[in-house]
Amino acid sequence: MSRSFLVRQLLGSALTGNALRPPQHYLAQIPAMFAGWLSGELAPHLLTLTVADTALQLRRRDRSRLGLVLAAANTVGLATLVAESLGRGTGSTRPWWKASAPTTSSGSGRPTPTSTCPRR
């Protein structure tokens, strides 16, 4: 069981790492995009499964230390993905539609053409 836990955590760390930092090689971009998209969308579910799997592993006598280290890294990575998707990560915390109000041109009261759509 300890070996299968290690394999699951290796697979999880590969998927989480891909979602956080996808490879830039042109041959790997499409498969990496699909795997990263799927991992990013399922991050809350994968986080729950990782925590539950780790809790079951901690109850066993034959624990895989490397598997537990990878599980901790996966938990941090998946929590980062969840926080970024909720807008609590390193990016902006305000959605684009709540950005600052458009500025007006010199006293006319109308928005200028460049300020009608806020930029990120």
PDB file of N, CA and C in Angstrom:
ATOM      1  N   MET A   1       0.823  -1.195   0.000  1.00  0.00           N
ATOM      2  CA  MET A   1       0.000   0.000   0.000  1.00  0.00           C
ATOM      3  C   MET A   1       0.864   1.253   0.000  1.00  0.00           C
ATOM      4  N   SER A   2       2.000   1.180   0.679  1.00  0.00           N
ATOM      5  CA  SER A   2       2.873   2.344   0.757  1.00  0.00           C
ATOM      6  C   SER A   2       3.429   2.711  -0.614  1.00  0.00           C
ATOM      7  N   ARG A   3       3.711   1.693  -1.441  1.00  0.00           N
ATOM      8  CA  ARG A   3       4.230   1.962  -2.770  1.00  0.00           C
ATOM      9  C   ARG A   3       3.161   2.602  -3.662  1.00  0.00           C
ATOM     10  N   SER A   4       1.925   2.155  -3.542  1.00  0.00           N
ATOM     11  CA  SER A   4       0.856   2.755  -4.349  1.00  0.00           C
ATOM     12  C   SER A   4       0.587   4.196  -3.898  1.00  0.00           C
ATOM     13  N   PHE A   5       0.737   4.478  -2.615  1.00  0.00           N
ATOM     14  CA  PHE A   5       0.592   5.854  -2.131  1.00  0.00           C
ATOM     15  C   PHE A   5       1.669   6.735  -2.745  1.00  0.00           C
ATOM     16  N   LEU A   6       2.889   6.237  -2.802  1.00  0.00           N
ATOM     17  CA  LEU A   6       3.979   6.996  -3.405  1.00  0.00           C
ATOM     18  C   LEU A   6       3.711   7.253  -4.887  1.00  0.00           C
ATOM     19  N   VAL A   7       3.219   6.261  -5.595  1.00  0.00           N
ATOM     20  CA  VAL A   7       2.912   6.426  -7.022  1.00  0.00           C
ATOM     21  C   VAL A   7       1.801   7.451  -7.210  1.00  0.00           C
ATOM     22  N   ARG A   8       0.761   7.393  -6.379  1.00  0.00           N
ATOM     23  CA  ARG A   8      -0.332   8.375  -6.465  1.00  0.00           C
ATOM     24  C   ARG A   8       0.180   9.783  -6.206  1.00  0.00           C
ATOM     25  N   GLN A   9       1.064   9.941  -5.249  1.00  0.00           N
ATOM     26  CA  GLN A   9       1.578  11.271  -4.933  1.00  0.00           C
ATOM     27  C   GLN A   9       2.543  11.771  -6.009  1.00  0.00           C
ATOM     28  N   LEU A  10       3.296  10.866  -6.624  1.00  0.00           N
ATOM     29  CA  LEU A  10       4.144  11.268  -7.756  1.00  0.00           C
ATOM     30  C   LEU A  10       3.295  11.753  -8.925  1.00  0.00           C
ATOM     31  N   LEU A  11       2.216  11.042  -9.216  1.00  0.00           N
ATOM     32  CA  LEU A  11       1.315  11.458 -10.291  1.00  0.00           C
ATOM     33  C   LEU A  11       0.647  12.792  -9.935  1.00  0.00           C
ATOM     34  N   GLY A  12       0.215  12.918  -8.691  1.00  0.00           N
ATOM     35  CA  GLY A  12      -0.403  14.175  -8.256  1.00  0.00           C
ATOM     36  C   GLY A  12       0.557  15.343  -8.296  1.00  0.00           C
ATOM     37  N   SER A  13       1.800  15.112  -7.926  1.00  0.00           N
ATOM     38  CA  SER A  13       2.773  16.210  -7.959  1.00  0.00           C
ATOM     39  C   SER A  13       3.107  16.607  -9.393  1.00  0.00           C
ATOM     40  N   ALA A  14       3.107  15.640 -10.305  1.00  0.00           N
ATOM     41  CA  ALA A  14       3.341  15.976 -11.716  1.00  0.00           C
ATOM     42  C   ALA A  14       2.195  16.821 -12.259  1.00  0.00           C
ATOM     43  N   LEU A  15       0.963  16.462 -11.942  1.00  0.00           N
ATOM     44  CA  LEU A  15      -0.194  17.223 -12.418  1.00  0.00           C
ATOM     45  C   LEU A  15      -0.269  18.602 -11.780  1.00  0.00           C
ATOM     46  N   THR A  16       0.012  18.673 -10.477  1.00  0.00           N
ATOM     47  CA  THR A  16      -0.022  19.964  -9.788  1.00  0.00           C
ATOM     48  C   THR A  16       1.090  20.870 -10.288  1.00  0.00           C
ATOM     49  N   GLY A  17       2.276  20.315 -10.457  1.00  0.00           N
ATOM     50  CA  GLY A  17       3.380  21.110 -10.984  1.00  0.00           C
ATOM     51  C   GLY A  17       3.112  21.607 -12.387  1.00  0.00           C
ATOM     52  N   ASN A  18       2.456  20.779 -13.192  1.00  0.00           N
ATOM     53  CA  ASN A  18       2.105  21.196 -14.541  1.00  0.00           C
ATOM     54  C   ASN A  18       1.071  22.315 -14.526  1.00  0.00           C
ATOM     55  N   ALA A  19       0.125  22.252 -13.593  1.00  0.00           N
ATOM     56  CA  ALA A  19      -0.890  23.301 -13.513  1.00  0.00           C
ATOM     57  C   ALA A  19      -0.285  24.622 -13.046  1.00  0.00           C
ATOM     58  N   LEU A  20       0.723  24.551 -12.190  1.00  0.00           N
ATOM     59  CA  LEU A  20       1.361  25.777 -11.685  1.00  0.00           C
ATOM     60  C   LEU A  20       2.384  26.340 -12.670  1.00  0.00           C
ATOM     61  N   ARG A  21       3.199  25.484 -13.260  1.00  0.00           N
ATOM     62  CA  ARG A  21       4.240  25.901 -14.212  1.00  0.00           C
ATOM     63  C   ARG A  21       4.267  24.950 -15.395  1.00  0.00           C
ATOM     64  N   PRO A  22       3.458  25.190 -16.425  1.00  0.00           N
ATOM     65  CA  PRO A  22       3.446  24.273 -17.572  1.00  0.00           C
ATOM     66  C   PRO A  22       4.738  24.357 -18.372  1.00  0.00           C
ATOM     67  N   PRO A  23       5.102  23.270 -19.043  1.00  0.00           N
ATOM     68  CA  PRO A  23       6.322  23.299 -19.862  1.00  0.00           C
ATOM     69  C   PRO A  23       6.141  24.223 -21.065  1.00  0.00           C
ATOM     70  N   GLN A  24       7.230  24.784 -21.555  1.00  0.00           N
ATOM     71  CA  GLN A  24       7.185  25.745 -22.642  1.00  0.00           C
ATOM     72  C   GLN A  24       7.567  25.153 -23.992  1.00  0.00           C
ATOM     73  N   HIS A  25       7.940  23.884 -24.029  1.00  0.00           N
ATOM     74  CA  HIS A  25       8.327  23.267 -25.292  1.00  0.00           C
ATOM     75  C   HIS A  25       7.102  23.126 -26.190  1.00  0.00           C
ATOM     76  N   TYR A  26       7.251  23.437 -27.459  1.00  0.00           N
ATOM     77  CA  TYR A  26       6.104  23.492 -28.358  1.00  0.00           C
ATOM     78  C   TYR A  26       5.430  22.131 -28.550  1.00  0.00           C
ATOM     79  N   LEU A  27       6.156  21.036 -28.414  1.00  0.00           N
ATOM     80  CA  LEU A  27       5.548  19.720 -28.582  1.00  0.00           C
ATOM     81  C   LEU A  27       4.705  19.314 -27.377  1.00  0.00           C
ATOM     82  N   ALA A  28       4.981  19.896 -26.224  1.00  0.00           N
ATOM     83  CA  ALA A  28       4.263  19.518 -25.010  1.00  0.00           C
ATOM     84  C   ALA A  28       3.154  20.492 -24.648  1.00  0.00           C
ATOM     85  N   GLN A  29       2.968  21.545 -25.408  1.00  0.00           N
ATOM     86  CA  GLN A  29       2.032  22.587 -24.994  1.00  0.00           C
ATOM     87  C   GLN A  29       0.577  22.126 -24.981  1.00  0.00           C
ATOM     88  N   ILE A  30       0.132  21.413 -25.986  1.00  0.00           N
ATOM     89  CA  ILE A  30      -1.280  21.012 -26.035  1.00  0.00           C
ATOM     90  C   ILE A  30      -1.605  19.974 -24.959  1.00  0.00           C
ATOM     91  N   PRO A  31      -0.827  18.892 -24.807  1.00  0.00           N
ATOM     92  CA  PRO A  31      -1.138  17.969 -23.711  1.00  0.00           C
ATOM     93  C   PRO A  31      -0.984  18.620 -22.335  1.00  0.00           C
ATOM     94  N   ALA A  32       0.008  19.488 -22.192  1.00  0.00           N
ATOM     95  CA  ALA A  32       0.206  20.161 -20.903  1.00  0.00           C
ATOM     96  C   ALA A  32      -0.933  21.123 -20.604  1.00  0.00           C
ATOM     97  N   MET A  33      -1.447  21.783 -21.639  1.00  0.00           N
ATOM     98  CA  MET A  33      -2.569  22.693 -21.434  1.00  0.00           C
ATOM     99  C   MET A  33      -3.798  21.919 -20.973  1.00  0.00           C
ATOM    100  N   PHE A  34      -4.067  20.785 -21.599  1.00  0.00           N
ATOM    101  CA  PHE A  34      -5.230  19.990 -21.223  1.00  0.00           C
ATOM    102  C   PHE A  34      -5.086  19.462 -19.800  1.00  0.00           C
ATOM    103  N   ALA A  35      -3.923  18.910 -19.462  1.00  0.00           N
ATOM    104  CA  ALA A  35      -3.709  18.371 -18.119  1.00  0.00           C
ATOM    105  C   ALA A  35      -3.744  19.479 -17.072  1.00  0.00           C
ATOM    106  N   GLY A  36      -3.161  20.637 -17.389  1.00  0.00           N
ATOM    107  CA  GLY A  36      -3.189  21.758 -16.449  1.00  0.00           C
ATOM    108  C   GLY A  36      -4.579  22.323 -16.256  1.00  0.00           C
ATOM    109  N   TRP A  37      -5.345  22.381 -17.350  1.00  0.00           N
ATOM    110  CA  TRP A  37      -6.718  22.856 -17.249  1.00  0.00           C
ATOM    111  C   TRP A  37      -7.546  21.922 -16.368  1.00  0.00           C
ATOM    112  N   LEU A  38      -7.407  20.613 -16.594  1.00  0.00           N
ATOM    113  CA  LEU A  38      -8.167  19.643 -15.816  1.00  0.00           C
ATOM    114  C   LEU A  38      -7.755  19.682 -14.341  1.00  0.00           C
ATOM    115  N   SER A  39      -6.470  19.790 -14.084  1.00  0.00           N
ATOM    116  CA  SER A  39      -5.999  19.863 -12.699  1.00  0.00           C
ATOM    117  C   SER A  39      -6.450  21.150 -12.021  1.00  0.00           C
ATOM    118  N   GLY A  40      -6.447  22.243 -12.763  1.00  0.00           N
ATOM    119  CA  GLY A  40      -6.881  23.507 -12.188  1.00  0.00           C
ATOM    120  C   GLY A  40      -8.368  23.519 -11.884  1.00  0.00           C
ATOM    121  N   GLU A  41      -9.169  22.922 -12.752  1.00  0.00           N
ATOM    122  CA  GLU A  41     -10.613  22.880 -12.520  1.00  0.00           C
ATOM    123  C   GLU A  41     -10.978  21.937 -11.380  1.00  0.00           C
ATOM    124  N   LEU A  42     -10.231  20.859 -11.243  1.00  0.00           N
ATOM    125  CA  LEU A  42     -10.526  19.870 -10.204  1.00  0.00           C
ATOM    126  C   LEU A  42      -9.679  20.059  -8.952  1.00  0.00           C
ATOM    127  N   ALA A  43      -9.023  21.205  -8.802  1.00  0.00           N
ATOM    128  CA  ALA A  43      -8.122  21.421  -7.673  1.00  0.00           C
ATOM    129  C   ALA A  43      -8.800  21.243  -6.310  1.00  0.00           C
ATOM    130  N   PRO A  44     -10.008  21.769  -6.074  1.00  0.00           N
ATOM    131  CA  PRO A  44     -10.625  21.532  -4.758  1.00  0.00           C
ATOM    132  C   PRO A  44     -10.895  20.047  -4.490  1.00  0.00           C
ATOM    133  N   HIS A  45     -11.300  19.327  -5.525  1.00  0.00           N
ATOM    134  CA  HIS A  45     -11.581  17.904  -5.360  1.00  0.00           C
ATOM    135  C   HIS A  45     -10.291  17.120  -5.143  1.00  0.00           C
ATOM    136  N   LEU A  46      -9.260  17.453  -5.920  1.00  0.00           N
ATOM    137  CA  LEU A  46      -7.975  16.782  -5.752  1.00  0.00           C
ATOM    138  C   LEU A  46      -7.363  17.090  -4.392  1.00  0.00           C
ATOM    139  N   LEU A  47      -7.566  18.304  -3.907  1.00  0.00           N
ATOM    140  CA  LEU A  47      -7.058  18.672  -2.581  1.00  0.00           C
ATOM    141  C   LEU A  47      -7.739  17.828  -1.503  1.00  0.00           C
ATOM    142  N   THR A  48      -9.049  17.668  -1.606  1.00  0.00           N
ATOM    143  CA  THR A  48      -9.779  16.853  -0.630  1.00  0.00           C
ATOM    144  C   THR A  48      -9.321  15.401  -0.675  1.00  0.00           C
ATOM    145  N   LEU A  49      -9.155  14.867  -1.878  1.00  0.00           N
ATOM    146  CA  LEU A  49      -8.702  13.480  -2.007  1.00  0.00           C
ATOM    147  C   LEU A  49      -7.280  13.295  -1.488  1.00  0.00           C
ATOM    148  N   THR A  50      -6.428  14.273  -1.726  1.00  0.00           N
ATOM    149  CA  THR A  50      -5.045  14.178  -1.253  1.00  0.00           C
ATOM    150  C   THR A  50      -4.992  14.196   0.269  1.00  0.00           C
ATOM    151  N   VAL A  51      -5.764  15.075   0.893  1.00  0.00           N
ATOM    152  CA  VAL A  51      -5.784  15.154   2.359  1.00  0.00           C
ATOM    153  C   VAL A  51      -6.355  13.860   2.948  1.00  0.00           C
ATOM    154  N   ALA A  52      -7.427  13.328   2.366  1.00  0.00           N
ATOM    155  CA  ALA A  52      -8.014  12.083   2.869  1.00  0.00           C
ATOM    156  C   ALA A  52      -7.057  10.910   2.683  1.00  0.00           C
ATOM    157  N   ASP A  53      -6.401  10.841   1.545  1.00  0.00           N
ATOM    158  CA  ASP A  53      -5.448   9.762   1.283  1.00  0.00           C
ATOM    159  C   ASP A  53      -4.267   9.845   2.243  1.00  0.00           C
ATOM    160  N   THR A  54      -3.817  11.055   2.517  1.00  0.00           N
ATOM    161  CA  THR A  54      -2.702  11.234   3.450  1.00  0.00           C
ATOM    162  C   THR A  54      -3.103  10.855   4.869  1.00  0.00           C
ATOM    163  N   ALA A  55      -4.326  11.206   5.262  1.00  0.00           N
ATOM    164  CA  ALA A  55      -4.801  10.837   6.599  1.00  0.00           C
ATOM    165  C   ALA A  55      -4.863   9.317   6.752  1.00  0.00           C
ATOM    166  N   LEU A  56      -5.307   8.623   5.712  1.00  0.00           N
ATOM    167  CA  LEU A  56      -5.313   7.160   5.772  1.00  0.00           C
ATOM    168  C   LEU A  56      -3.900   6.597   5.807  1.00  0.00           C
ATOM    169  N   GLN A  57      -2.995   7.215   5.100  1.00  0.00           N
ATOM    170  CA  GLN A  57      -1.609   6.750   5.074  1.00  0.00           C
ATOM    171  C   GLN A  57      -0.940   6.953   6.434  1.00  0.00           C
ATOM    172  N   LEU A  58      -1.292   8.031   7.131  1.00  0.00           N
ATOM    173  CA  LEU A  58      -0.691   8.289   8.440  1.00  0.00           C
ATOM    174  C   LEU A  58      -1.110   7.259   9.488  1.00  0.00           C
ATOM    175  N   ARG A  59      -2.202   6.573   9.263  1.00  0.00           N
ATOM    176  CA  ARG A  59      -2.667   5.559  10.203  1.00  0.00           C
ATOM    177  C   ARG A  59      -1.924   4.241  10.034  1.00  0.00           C
ATOM    178  N   ARG A  60      -1.206   4.078   8.937  1.00  0.00           N
ATOM    179  CA  ARG A  60      -0.515   2.824   8.661  1.00  0.00           C
ATOM    180  C   ARG A  60       0.860   2.791   9.340  1.00  0.00           C
ATOM    181  N   ARG A  61       1.371   1.568   9.521  1.00  0.00           N
ATOM    182  CA  ARG A  61       2.710   1.424  10.091  1.00  0.00           C
ATOM    183  C   ARG A  61       3.789   1.635   9.037  1.00  0.00           C
ATOM    184  N   ASP A  62       3.576   1.116   7.845  1.00  0.00           N
ATOM    185  CA  ASP A  62       4.586   1.211   6.791  1.00  0.00           C
ATOM    186  C   ASP A  62       4.359   2.472   5.954  1.00  0.00           C
ATOM    187  N   ARG A  63       4.673   3.597   6.531  1.00  0.00           N
ATOM    188  CA  ARG A  63       4.480   4.882   5.860  1.00  0.00           C
ATOM    189  C   ARG A  63       5.619   5.155   4.889  1.00  0.00           C
ATOM    190  N   SER A  64       5.268   5.769   3.799  1.00  0.00           N
ATOM    191  CA  SER A  64       6.272   6.207   2.846  1.00  0.00           C
ATOM    192  C   SER A  64       6.617   7.664   3.156  1.00  0.00           C
ATOM    193  N   ARG A  65       7.824   7.894   3.648  1.00  0.00           N
ATOM    194  CA  ARG A  65       8.207   9.264   4.003  1.00  0.00           C
ATOM    195  C   ARG A  65       8.247  10.171   2.776  1.00  0.00           C
ATOM    196  N   LEU A  66       8.766   9.649   1.682  1.00  0.00           N
ATOM    197  CA  LEU A  66       8.801  10.428   0.448  1.00  0.00           C
ATOM    198  C   LEU A  66       7.379  10.718  -0.034  1.00  0.00           C
ATOM    199  N   GLY A  67       6.491   9.748   0.104  1.00  0.00           N
ATOM    200  CA  GLY A  67       5.098   9.959  -0.264  1.00  0.00           C
ATOM    201  C   GLY A  67       4.441  11.027   0.588  1.00  0.00           C
ATOM    202  N   LEU A  68       4.770  11.053   1.885  1.00  0.00           N
ATOM    203  CA  LEU A  68       4.203  12.078   2.772  1.00  0.00           C
ATOM    204  C   LEU A  68       4.748  13.466   2.442  1.00  0.00           C
ATOM    205  N   VAL A  69       6.015  13.541   2.081  1.00  0.00           N
ATOM    206  CA  VAL A  69       6.590  14.829   1.677  1.00  0.00           C
ATOM    207  C   VAL A  69       5.934  15.311   0.385  1.00  0.00           C
ATOM    208  N   LEU A  70       5.753  14.392  -0.561  1.00  0.00           N
ATOM    209  CA  LEU A  70       5.082  14.760  -1.803  1.00  0.00           C
ATOM    210  C   LEU A  70       3.625  15.148  -1.557  1.00  0.00           C
ATOM    211  N   ALA A  71       2.970  14.479  -0.618  1.00  0.00           N
ATOM    212  CA  ALA A  71       1.584  14.831  -0.291  1.00  0.00           C
ATOM    213  C   ALA A  71       1.505  16.236   0.301  1.00  0.00           C
ATOM    214  N   ALA A  72       2.474  16.589   1.134  1.00  0.00           N
ATOM    215  CA  ALA A  72       2.498  17.950   1.692  1.00  0.00           C
ATOM    216  C   ALA A  72       2.724  18.977   0.588  1.00  0.00           C
ATOM    217  N   ALA A  73       3.630  18.677  -0.334  1.00  0.00           N
ATOM    218  CA  ALA A  73       3.874  19.598  -1.447  1.00  0.00           C
ATOM    219  C   ALA A  73       2.643  19.703  -2.349  1.00  0.00           C
ATOM    220  N   ASN A  74       1.964  18.578  -2.591  1.00  0.00           N
ATOM    221  CA  ASN A  74       0.741  18.599  -3.388  1.00  0.00           C
ATOM    222  C   ASN A  74      -0.341  19.425  -2.709  1.00  0.00           C
ATOM    223  N   THR A  75      -0.449  19.291  -1.399  1.00  0.00           N
ATOM    224  CA  THR A  75      -1.457  20.051  -0.662  1.00  0.00           C
ATOM    225  C   THR A  75      -1.205  21.541  -0.786  1.00  0.00           C
ATOM    226  N   VAL A  76       0.051  21.945  -0.661  1.00  0.00           N
ATOM    227  CA  VAL A  76       0.386  23.370  -0.801  1.00  0.00           C
ATOM    228  C   VAL A  76       0.112  23.857  -2.219  1.00  0.00           C
ATOM    229  N   GLY A  77       0.514  23.074  -3.215  1.00  0.00           N
ATOM    230  CA  GLY A  77       0.296  23.456  -4.609  1.00  0.00           C
ATOM    231  C   GLY A  77      -1.174  23.539  -4.969  1.00  0.00           C
ATOM    232  N   LEU A  78      -1.958  22.552  -4.524  1.00  0.00           N
ATOM    233  CA  LEU A  78      -3.386  22.577  -4.823  1.00  0.00           C
ATOM    234  C   LEU A  78      -4.093  23.699  -4.074  1.00  0.00           C
ATOM    235  N   ALA A  79      -3.665  23.972  -2.845  1.00  0.00           N
ATOM    236  CA  ALA A  79      -4.250  25.099  -2.109  1.00  0.00           C
ATOM    237  C   ALA A  79      -3.917  26.417  -2.800  1.00  0.00           C
ATOM    238  N   THR A  80      -2.739  26.517  -3.397  1.00  0.00           N
ATOM    239  CA  THR A  80      -2.381  27.713  -4.162  1.00  0.00           C
ATOM    240  C   THR A  80      -3.283  27.864  -5.376  1.00  0.00           C
ATOM    241  N   LEU A  81      -3.555  26.762  -6.070  1.00  0.00           N
ATOM    242  CA  LEU A  81      -4.454  26.811  -7.222  1.00  0.00           C
ATOM    243  C   LEU A  81      -5.862  27.235  -6.813  1.00  0.00           C
ATOM    244  N   VAL A  82      -6.346  26.717  -5.697  1.00  0.00           N
ATOM    245  CA  VAL A  82      -7.681  27.084  -5.222  1.00  0.00           C
ATOM    246  C   VAL A  82      -7.712  28.554  -4.828  1.00  0.00           C
ATOM    247  N   ALA A  83      -6.673  29.017  -4.135  1.00  0.00           N
ATOM    248  CA  ALA A  83      -6.636  30.419  -3.723  1.00  0.00           C
ATOM    249  C   ALA A  83      -6.575  31.353  -4.919  1.00  0.00           C
ATOM    250  N   GLU A  84      -5.814  31.006  -5.935  1.00  0.00           N
ATOM    251  CA  GLU A  84      -5.747  31.839  -7.132  1.00  0.00           C
ATOM    252  C   GLU A  84      -7.065  31.847  -7.888  1.00  0.00           C
ATOM    253  N   SER A  85      -7.764  30.726  -7.891  1.00  0.00           N
ATOM    254  CA  SER A  85      -9.047  30.696  -8.592  1.00  0.00           C
ATOM    255  C   SER A  85     -10.106  31.503  -7.850  1.00  0.00           C
ATOM    256  N   LEU A  86      -9.947  31.653  -6.548  1.00  0.00           N
ATOM    257  CA  LEU A  86     -10.873  32.467  -5.772  1.00  0.00           C
ATOM    258  C   LEU A  86     -10.459  33.932  -5.729  1.00  0.00           C
ATOM    259  N   GLY A  87      -9.355  34.271  -6.374  1.00  0.00           N
ATOM    260  CA  GLY A  87      -8.894  35.648  -6.390  1.00  0.00           C
ATOM    261  C   GLY A  87      -8.126  36.037  -5.152  1.00  0.00           C
ATOM    262  N   ARG A  88      -7.649  35.065  -4.408  1.00  0.00           N
ATOM    263  CA  ARG A  88      -6.894  35.361  -3.191  1.00  0.00           C
ATOM    264  C   ARG A  88      -5.424  35.028  -3.335  1.00  0.00           C
ATOM    265  N   GLY A  89      -4.999  34.816  -4.563  1.00  0.00           N
ATOM    266  CA  GLY A  89      -3.612  34.457  -4.807  1.00  0.00           C
ATOM    267  C   GLY A  89      -2.760  35.681  -5.092  1.00  0.00           C
ATOM    268  N   THR A  90      -1.790  35.497  -5.933  1.00  0.00           N
ATOM    269  CA  THR A  90      -0.863  36.575  -6.220  1.00  0.00           C
ATOM    270  C   THR A  90      -1.428  37.591  -7.190  1.00  0.00           C
ATOM    271  N   GLY A  91      -2.497  37.251  -7.882  1.00  0.00           N
ATOM    272  CA  GLY A  91      -3.075  38.170  -8.860  1.00  0.00           C
ATOM    273  C   GLY A  91      -3.964  39.209  -8.216  1.00  0.00           C
ATOM    274  N   SER A  92      -4.710  39.906  -9.034  1.00  0.00           N
ATOM    275  CA  SER A  92      -5.608  40.944  -8.552  1.00  0.00           C
ATOM    276  C   SER A  92      -6.774  40.320  -7.801  1.00  0.00           C
ATOM    277  N   THR A  93      -7.223  40.981  -6.769  1.00  0.00           N
ATOM    278  CA  THR A  93      -8.343  40.480  -5.990  1.00  0.00           C
ATOM    279  C   THR A  93      -9.663  41.066  -6.455  1.00  0.00           C
ATOM    280  N   ARG A  94      -9.626  42.026  -7.379  1.00  0.00           N
ATOM    281  CA  ARG A  94     -10.851  42.629  -7.886  1.00  0.00           C
ATOM    282  C   ARG A  94     -11.115  42.132  -9.297  1.00  0.00           C
ATOM    283  N   PRO A  95     -12.360  41.707  -9.574  1.00  0.00           N
ATOM    284  CA  PRO A  95     -12.657  41.300 -10.945  1.00  0.00           C
ATOM    285  C   PRO A  95     -12.619  42.489 -11.886  1.00  0.00           C
ATOM    286  N   TRP A  96     -12.475  42.214 -13.173  1.00  0.00           N
ATOM    287  CA  TRP A  96     -12.293  43.287 -14.148  1.00  0.00           C
ATOM    288  C   TRP A  96     -13.511  44.184 -14.228  1.00  0.00           C
ATOM    289  N   TRP A  97     -14.709  43.652 -13.962  1.00  0.00           N
ATOM    290  CA  TRP A  97     -15.891  44.503 -14.092  1.00  0.00           C
ATOM    291  C   TRP A  97     -16.075  45.437 -12.906  1.00  0.00           C
ATOM    292  N   LYS A  98     -15.306  45.243 -11.840  1.00  0.00           N
ATOM    293  CA  LYS A  98     -15.365  46.149 -10.709  1.00  0.00           C
ATOM    294  C   LYS A  98     -14.130  47.042 -10.641  1.00  0.00           C
ATOM    295  N   ALA A  99     -13.449  47.152 -11.747  1.00  0.00           N
ATOM    296  CA  ALA A  99     -12.264  48.008 -11.802  1.00  0.00           C
ATOM    297  C   ALA A  99     -12.693  49.463 -11.663  1.00  0.00           C
ATOM    298  N   SER A 100     -11.733  50.331 -11.605  1.00  0.00           N
ATOM    299  CA  SER A 100     -12.048  51.743 -11.400  1.00  0.00           C
ATOM    300  C   SER A 100     -12.942  52.267 -12.518  1.00  0.00           C
ATOM    301  N   ALA A 101     -13.737  53.271 -12.180  1.00  0.00           N
ATOM    302  CA  ALA A 101     -14.672  53.852 -13.147  1.00  0.00           C
ATOM    303  C   ALA A 101     -13.891  54.512 -14.277  1.00  0.00           C
ATOM    304  N   PRO A 102     -14.460  54.536 -15.465  1.00  0.00           N
ATOM    305  CA  PRO A 102     -13.750  55.153 -16.587  1.00  0.00           C
ATOM    306  C   PRO A 102     -13.506  56.638 -16.339  1.00  0.00           C
ATOM    307  N   THR A 103     -12.347  57.065 -16.754  1.00  0.00           N
ATOM    308  CA  THR A 103     -12.029  58.479 -16.604  1.00  0.00           C
ATOM    309  C   THR A 103     -12.691  59.270 -17.727  1.00  0.00           C
ATOM    310  N   THR A 104     -12.945  60.506 -17.455  1.00  0.00           N
ATOM    311  CA  THR A 104     -13.576  61.337 -18.475  1.00  0.00           C
ATOM    312  C   THR A 104     -12.532  62.210 -19.136  1.00  0.00           C
ATOM    313  N   SER A 105     -12.850  62.614 -20.342  1.00  0.00           N
ATOM    314  CA  SER A 105     -11.940  63.511 -21.046  1.00  0.00           C
ATOM    315  C   SER A 105     -12.007  64.886 -20.397  1.00  0.00           C
ATOM    316  N   SER A 106     -11.303  65.802 -20.909  1.00  0.00           N
ATOM    317  CA  SER A 106     -11.122  67.106 -20.260  1.00  0.00           C
ATOM    318  C   SER A 106     -12.441  67.853 -20.059  1.00  0.00           C
ATOM    319  N   GLY A 107     -13.158  67.484 -19.016  1.00  0.00           N
ATOM    320  CA  GLY A 107     -14.334  68.239 -18.615  1.00  0.00           C
ATOM    321  C   GLY A 107     -15.578  67.992 -19.428  1.00  0.00           C
ATOM    322  N   SER A 108     -15.587  67.125 -20.431  1.00  0.00           N
ATOM    323  CA  SER A 108     -16.778  66.938 -21.248  1.00  0.00           C
ATOM    324  C   SER A 108     -17.811  66.047 -20.580  1.00  0.00           C
ATOM    325  N   GLY A 109     -17.391  65.248 -19.589  1.00  0.00           N
ATOM    326  CA  GLY A 109     -18.324  64.363 -18.919  1.00  0.00           C
ATOM    327  C   GLY A 109     -18.507  63.034 -19.616  1.00  0.00           C
ATOM    328  N   ARG A 110     -17.933  62.852 -20.790  1.00  0.00           N
ATOM    329  CA  ARG A 110     -18.037  61.588 -21.516  1.00  0.00           C
ATOM    330  C   ARG A 110     -16.725  60.810 -21.365  1.00  0.00           C
ATOM    331  N   PRO A 111     -16.834  59.489 -21.316  1.00  0.00           N
ATOM    332  CA  PRO A 111     -15.592  58.718 -21.236  1.00  0.00           C
ATOM    333  C   PRO A 111     -14.797  58.806 -22.530  1.00  0.00           C
ATOM    334  N   THR A 112     -13.500  58.770 -22.383  1.00  0.00           N
ATOM    335  CA  THR A 112     -12.642  58.759 -23.563  1.00  0.00           C
ATOM    336  C   THR A 112     -12.657  57.363 -24.168  1.00  0.00           C
ATOM    337  N   PRO A 113     -12.384  57.217 -25.460  1.00  0.00           N
ATOM    338  CA  PRO A 113     -12.441  55.893 -26.097  1.00  0.00           C
ATOM    339  C   PRO A 113     -11.491  54.887 -25.478  1.00  0.00           C
ATOM    340  N   THR A 114     -10.359  55.299 -24.944  1.00  0.00           N
ATOM    341  CA  THR A 114      -9.408  54.352 -24.384  1.00  0.00           C
ATOM    342  C   THR A 114      -9.775  53.957 -22.970  1.00  0.00           C
ATOM    343  N   SER A 115     -10.700  54.641 -22.337  1.00  0.00           N
ATOM    344  CA  SER A 115     -11.012  54.330 -20.950  1.00  0.00           C
ATOM    345  C   SER A 115     -12.349  53.630 -20.785  1.00  0.00           C
ATOM    346  N   THR A 116     -13.000  53.243 -21.865  1.00  0.00           N
ATOM    347  CA  THR A 116     -14.306  52.586 -21.729  1.00  0.00           C
ATOM    348  C   THR A 116     -14.182  51.150 -21.278  1.00  0.00           C
ATOM    349  N   CYS A 117     -13.092  50.486 -21.581  1.00  0.00           N
ATOM    350  CA  CYS A 117     -12.889  49.108 -21.164  1.00  0.00           C
ATOM    351  C   CYS A 117     -11.620  49.053 -20.323  1.00  0.00           C
ATOM    352  N   PRO A 118     -11.749  48.697 -19.036  1.00  0.00           N
ATOM    353  CA  PRO A 118     -10.553  48.674 -18.186  1.00  0.00           C
ATOM    354  C   PRO A 118      -9.572  47.598 -18.639  1.00  0.00           C
ATOM    355  N   ARG A 119      -8.316  47.917 -18.570  1.00  0.00           N
ATOM    356  CA  ARG A 119      -7.272  46.956 -18.927  1.00  0.00           C
ATOM    357  C   ARG A 119      -6.784  46.271 -17.681  1.00  0.00           C
ATOM    358  N   ARG A 120      -6.291  45.069 -17.873  1.00  0.00           N
ATOM    359  CA  ARG A 120      -5.746  44.304 -16.748  1.00  0.00           C
ATOM    360  C   ARG A 120      -4.331  44.661 -16.511  1.00  0.00           C
TER     361      ARG A 120
END
